[in-house]
Protein backbone atom coordinates (compact mmCIF):
# COMPACT_ATOMS: atom_id res chain seq x y z
CA MET A 1 -116.44 -167.54 -131.47
CA GLY A 2 -120.10 -168.52 -131.21
CA PHE A 3 -122.58 -169.30 -128.47
CA VAL A 4 -124.41 -172.50 -127.61
CA VAL A 5 -127.97 -172.75 -126.32
CA TYR A 6 -128.44 -175.90 -124.23
CA GLU A 7 -130.84 -177.57 -121.79
CA ALA A 8 -130.14 -176.71 -118.16
CA SER A 9 -130.94 -180.17 -116.81
CA GLY A 10 -128.97 -182.44 -119.11
CA GLY A 11 -126.64 -180.17 -121.03
CA ARG A 12 -127.94 -181.29 -124.45
CA ALA A 13 -127.14 -178.65 -127.09
CA ILE A 14 -130.14 -177.09 -128.77
CA LYS A 15 -128.51 -174.77 -131.30
CA TYR A 16 -125.36 -172.80 -132.11
CA TYR A 17 -125.51 -169.04 -132.74
CA ARG A 18 -122.85 -166.62 -133.93
CA LYS A 19 -124.05 -163.70 -131.82
CA GLU A 20 -124.57 -163.65 -128.07
CA SER A 21 -127.61 -161.38 -128.34
CA VAL A 22 -129.47 -163.85 -130.56
CA ALA A 23 -128.66 -166.78 -128.24
CA LYS A 24 -129.84 -164.86 -125.18
CA ALA A 25 -133.04 -163.85 -126.98
CA GLN A 26 -133.83 -167.48 -127.79
CA VAL A 27 -133.22 -168.53 -124.19
CA THR A 28 -135.44 -165.73 -122.88
CA ARG A 29 -138.21 -166.56 -125.36
CA ASN A 30 -138.18 -170.24 -124.36
CA ASN A 31 -137.99 -169.67 -120.61
CA ARG A 32 -140.78 -167.06 -120.60
CA GLY A 33 -142.99 -169.47 -122.50
CA ILE A 34 -142.34 -172.12 -119.87
CA ASP A 35 -143.22 -169.70 -117.07
CA ASN A 36 -146.48 -168.76 -118.80
CA ASN A 37 -147.38 -172.43 -119.35
CA ARG A 38 -146.65 -173.24 -115.70
CA LEU A 39 -148.94 -170.43 -114.54
CA LEU A 40 -151.72 -171.78 -116.75
CA ARG A 41 -151.14 -175.33 -115.42
CA LEU A 42 -151.30 -174.06 -111.83
CA GLN A 43 -154.65 -172.42 -112.57
CA LEU A 44 -155.95 -175.64 -114.14
CA GLY A 45 -154.68 -177.81 -111.29
CA LEU A 46 -151.96 -179.58 -113.31
CA ALA A 47 -149.06 -178.32 -111.20
CA ASN A 48 -147.06 -181.58 -111.27
CA TYR A 49 -147.01 -181.84 -115.05
CA ASP A 50 -143.49 -180.70 -116.04
CA ARG A 51 -142.21 -181.58 -119.51
CA ASP A 52 -140.64 -178.23 -120.37
CA GLN A 53 -136.89 -177.67 -120.21
CA TYR A 54 -135.18 -174.47 -119.15
CA TRP A 55 -132.46 -173.34 -121.54
CA LEU A 56 -129.15 -171.63 -120.82
CA CYS A 57 -126.51 -170.17 -123.11
CA CYS A 58 -122.75 -169.78 -122.94
CA SER A 59 -119.81 -169.35 -125.26
CA TYR A 60 -118.66 -172.33 -127.27
CA ALA A 61 -115.44 -172.54 -125.22
CA ASP A 62 -117.37 -172.59 -121.94
CA TYR A 63 -119.69 -175.30 -123.26
CA GLU A 64 -116.76 -177.72 -122.91
CA GLY A 65 -117.31 -177.58 -119.14
CA VAL A 66 -120.96 -178.48 -119.65
CA LEU A 67 -119.94 -181.47 -121.78
CA MET A 68 -117.61 -182.64 -119.01
CA GLY A 69 -120.59 -182.75 -116.66
CA MET A 70 -119.62 -179.86 -114.41
CA LYS A 71 -122.36 -178.08 -112.52
CA GLU A 72 -122.46 -174.31 -112.08
CA PRO A 73 -120.09 -173.66 -109.12
CA GLU A 74 -117.29 -175.91 -110.32
CA ARG A 75 -117.73 -174.81 -113.95
CA LYS A 76 -117.18 -171.18 -112.94
CA MET A 77 -113.99 -172.12 -111.10
CA TRP A 78 -112.82 -174.20 -114.07
CA ALA A 79 -113.45 -171.26 -116.45
CA PHE A 80 -111.61 -168.89 -114.09
CA CYS A 81 -108.53 -171.15 -113.88
CA ARG A 82 -108.58 -171.85 -117.60
CA GLY A 83 -108.54 -168.34 -118.81
């Protein structure tokens, strides 16, 4: 089973990976870049400019809950009851 990297806000899939470690590395690389850009924007006085998206990753089976529009607390309960 693989892992899906997706946007935290809308749930749009970014990419599918076979290994969890590679998916987590991509998420970390993206989110650290966003944090660094936000720090630079704060220093330049552009604090309200926010076009970057935070990414999350989960297994392909758990991504079904994301597609159904569940947010984090109810998705965890759904995953617990499912499996």
